Each structure stands twice: as structure tokens, then as C-alpha cells.
Amino acid sequence: MPETPPTFAVGDRVICNPDETPARYHGIVWTVESKARVNVNLRPVAGGRGLRIHPSALLPAPADGTIPPTATVVAHRPPLTLGAVVTVASPRWKGSTGLYVVLRDNGDTARLVLLGGDQDRYWPKVPRGWLTEVDRDAVLAATAGLRTSS
């Protein structure tokens, strides 16, 4: 069952989740300016350009008023092997449940295609934090009895 995205009220102070957002949004405290049907509109507390983002990519700002550090330390993720099978989990994921094949690893995002195909549809920028690699031996064991048609 998908997680319920967090809800924020107009005026709440938030920060962007480092696992869900690009590094350029880290280290900034934002104020919720308005709420749309799906996304929220943010304005930096220190001033500057606003941001429209899904609330599931946000965290409450620290209550003590401190600004998070501008340098974000992201845990090193080993590169995905091209052709690896992965699952995707996020409240913002719009694709179907199932197994996906890695077509390209861009470091912070990956290009995926549904295992077995989906009318040539692919997902070009799925955040790496959403992906879990499936054990290769488990995939091979599960498909060992299948025969290919020639």
C-alpha cells in the first residue's frame, strides 16, 4: 500500500528531502506559499526564485530555526549494472508495480523500462533513491524453467 504523502499548511517551513530532490535545492529553508491540487508552491525564506514540488519530496524544517548545511553528504550508491532488474517504490511513482530493467545509470537517476515491455514506453529519470536492485540469482532461478520461442 503506498504511503500517504505528508501534508503541509500554508506558512509551514520545509526543506527538500535529499533522497528525493537534486542537490541544488538542499540547504535551503522554504516557506509553503500556496497549495495546488497536487503540488505545493514554495518560496525561499532568504528570498529568491520559488519552487513547485510534490509534498512527498519535502521534510519539516528544523524547529530550532537553524539552516541545514549547504553541502549535502549523500551515501555512495554503487552503479547499477545495465540490464539489472529493479523494483521502484515512492509515493510519487506513476508507473505500474512490477520489475523494471535498467537501461542507463546516470548517477542520481536511472533510465528504466518495464520487464517484458510496455509499448516502447520507458522512464528516463527515475531517482536512484526509489530503486532497489533485485538479486540476479533470484531472477535467473525464477525464469529457469521458461523456454524462448524461436
Protein backbone atom coordinates (compact mmCIF):
# COMPACT_ATOMS: atom_id res chain seq x y z
CA MET A 1 0.00 0.00 0.00
CA PRO A 2 1.50 3.40 -0.94
CA GLU A 3 2.48 5.81 1.81
CA THR A 4 0.29 8.83 2.43
CA PRO A 5 2.25 11.93 1.39
CA PRO A 6 2.88 14.44 4.18
CA THR A 7 0.63 17.44 4.35
CA PHE A 8 1.88 20.96 4.92
CA ALA A 9 -0.16 24.08 5.59
CA VAL A 10 0.42 27.49 4.03
CA GLY A 11 3.15 29.21 6.05
CA ASP A 12 4.92 26.00 7.14
CA ARG A 13 8.71 25.96 6.87
CA VAL A 14 10.11 22.97 4.99
CA ILE A 15 13.31 21.62 3.45
CA CYS A 16 13.73 19.37 0.43
CA ASN A 17 14.38 15.69 1.13
CA PRO A 18 17.96 14.94 -0.07
CA ASP A 19 16.87 11.44 -1.20
CA GLU A 20 14.15 12.85 -3.44
CA THR A 21 15.48 16.12 -4.85
CA PRO A 22 18.50 17.46 -6.75
CA ALA A 23 21.40 18.89 -4.74
CA ARG A 24 20.65 22.47 -5.88
CA TYR A 25 17.60 22.50 -3.57
CA HIS A 26 19.47 21.27 -0.48
CA GLY A 27 20.48 23.67 2.28
CA ILE A 28 17.53 26.00 1.67
CA VAL A 29 14.64 26.58 4.05
CA TRP A 30 11.40 27.15 2.16
CA THR A 31 8.01 28.52 3.19
CA VAL A 32 4.83 26.96 1.79
CA GLU A 33 3.29 29.82 -0.17
CA SER A 34 0.22 28.06 -1.56
CA LYS A 35 -1.20 24.63 -2.21
CA ALA A 36 -2.39 23.36 -5.57
CA ARG A 37 -4.37 20.20 -6.27
CA VAL A 38 -1.24 18.01 -6.24
CA ASN A 39 1.85 20.15 -5.59
CA VAL A 40 2.78 22.94 -3.22
CA ASN A 41 4.36 26.26 -4.15
CA LEU A 42 7.40 27.24 -2.10
CA ARG A 43 9.35 30.46 -1.61
CA PRO A 44 12.86 30.52 -0.08
CA VAL A 45 12.90 32.14 3.37
CA ALA A 46 16.02 34.13 2.34
CA GLY A 47 14.33 35.28 -0.88
CA GLY A 48 14.77 34.17 -4.44
CA ARG A 49 13.05 32.04 -7.03
CA GLY A 50 10.17 29.83 -5.94
CA LEU A 51 9.65 26.13 -6.46
CA ARG A 52 6.62 23.95 -7.25
CA ILE A 53 7.08 20.44 -5.87
CA HIS A 54 5.15 17.40 -4.65
CA PRO A 55 4.83 17.38 -0.84
CA SER A 56 6.26 13.85 -0.59
CA ALA A 57 9.66 15.33 -1.52
CA LEU A 58 9.63 17.67 1.49
CA LEU A 59 10.54 17.41 5.15
CA PRO A 60 9.65 19.77 8.01
CA ALA A 61 12.37 22.37 8.59
CA PRO A 62 14.32 22.07 11.85
CA ALA A 63 12.31 23.59 14.69
CA ASP A 64 15.31 25.38 16.20
CA GLY A 65 15.50 27.68 13.17
CA THR A 66 18.90 26.50 12.03
CA ILE A 67 19.51 26.33 8.33
CA PRO A 68 20.63 22.91 7.12
CA PRO A 69 24.21 22.75 5.80
CA THR A 70 24.62 23.70 2.15
CA ALA A 71 26.80 20.69 1.44
CA THR A 72 24.76 17.51 1.39
CA VAL A 73 26.52 14.24 2.03
CA VAL A 74 24.80 11.54 0.03
CA ALA A 75 25.58 7.92 0.73
CA HIS A 76 27.55 6.39 -2.11
CA ARG A 77 25.44 4.10 -4.21
CA PRO A 78 27.30 1.61 -6.36
CA PRO A 79 26.43 1.97 -10.03
CA LEU A 80 23.60 -0.15 -11.34
CA THR A 81 24.56 -2.76 -13.89
CA LEU A 82 22.97 -2.19 -17.26
CA GLY A 83 20.28 -4.83 -17.66
CA ALA A 84 19.85 -5.23 -13.89
CA VAL A 85 16.32 -5.86 -12.65
CA VAL A 86 14.96 -3.38 -10.09
CA THR A 87 11.78 -2.51 -8.25
CA VAL A 88 10.55 1.07 -7.80
CA ALA A 89 8.98 2.42 -4.60
CA SER A 90 7.86 6.00 -3.98
CA PRO A 91 4.55 7.72 -3.31
CA ARG A 92 5.22 9.78 -6.44
CA TRP A 93 5.84 6.78 -8.74
CA LYS A 94 3.38 6.86 -11.64
CA GLY A 95 4.44 3.60 -13.29
CA SER A 96 3.00 0.20 -12.57
CA THR A 97 4.16 -2.21 -9.92
CA GLY A 98 6.46 -4.87 -11.22
CA LEU A 99 10.02 -5.39 -12.30
CA TYR A 100 12.00 -2.92 -14.39
CA VAL A 101 15.22 -3.25 -16.38
CA VAL A 102 17.98 -0.63 -16.09
CA LEU A 103 18.82 0.87 -19.50
CA ARG A 104 21.17 3.57 -18.16
CA ASP A 105 22.56 4.70 -14.83
CA ASN A 106 23.03 8.48 -14.69
CA GLY A 107 24.35 8.54 -11.12
CA ASP A 108 21.46 10.24 -9.33
CA THR A 109 18.80 8.94 -11.74
CA ALA A 110 18.32 5.88 -13.93
CA ARG A 111 16.51 5.12 -17.19
CA LEU A 112 14.15 2.16 -16.84
CA VAL A 113 11.89 0.01 -18.96
CA LEU A 114 9.22 -2.42 -17.71
CA LEU A 115 10.41 -6.03 -17.87
CA GLY A 116 8.60 -7.58 -20.81
CA GLY A 117 7.95 -4.19 -22.41
CA ASP A 118 5.14 -1.65 -22.28
CA GLN A 119 4.51 -0.46 -25.86
CA ASP A 120 8.04 1.05 -26.13
CA ARG A 121 7.44 3.21 -23.04
CA TYR A 122 10.38 3.98 -20.77
CA TRP A 123 11.07 6.20 -17.78
CA PRO A 124 14.09 8.46 -18.42
CA LYS A 125 14.81 9.94 -14.97
CA VAL A 126 13.82 7.78 -12.02
CA PRO A 127 15.63 8.87 -8.82
CA ARG A 128 18.12 6.28 -7.56
CA GLY A 129 16.67 6.54 -4.04
CA TRP A 130 13.48 4.94 -5.34
CA LEU A 131 15.21 1.84 -6.77
CA THR A 132 16.02 -1.50 -5.17
CA GLU A 133 18.06 -3.94 -7.19
CA VAL A 134 16.65 -7.48 -7.35
CA ASP A 135 19.14 -10.28 -6.74
CA ARG A 136 20.34 -11.57 -10.13
CA ASP A 137 20.37 -15.21 -8.98
CA ALA A 138 16.75 -14.95 -7.81
CA VAL A 139 15.69 -13.59 -11.21
CA LEU A 140 17.58 -16.35 -13.04
CA ALA A 141 16.13 -19.05 -10.76
CA ALA A 142 12.59 -17.71 -11.27
CA THR A 143 12.96 -17.81 -15.04
CA ALA A 144 14.97 -21.04 -15.30
CA GLY A 145 12.01 -23.14 -16.49
CA LEU A 146 10.92 -20.73 -19.19
CA ARG A 147 11.67 -21.53 -22.80
CA THR A 148 12.11 -18.98 -25.52
CA SER A 149 10.13 -19.29 -28.72
CA SER A 150 12.12 -19.30 -31.92
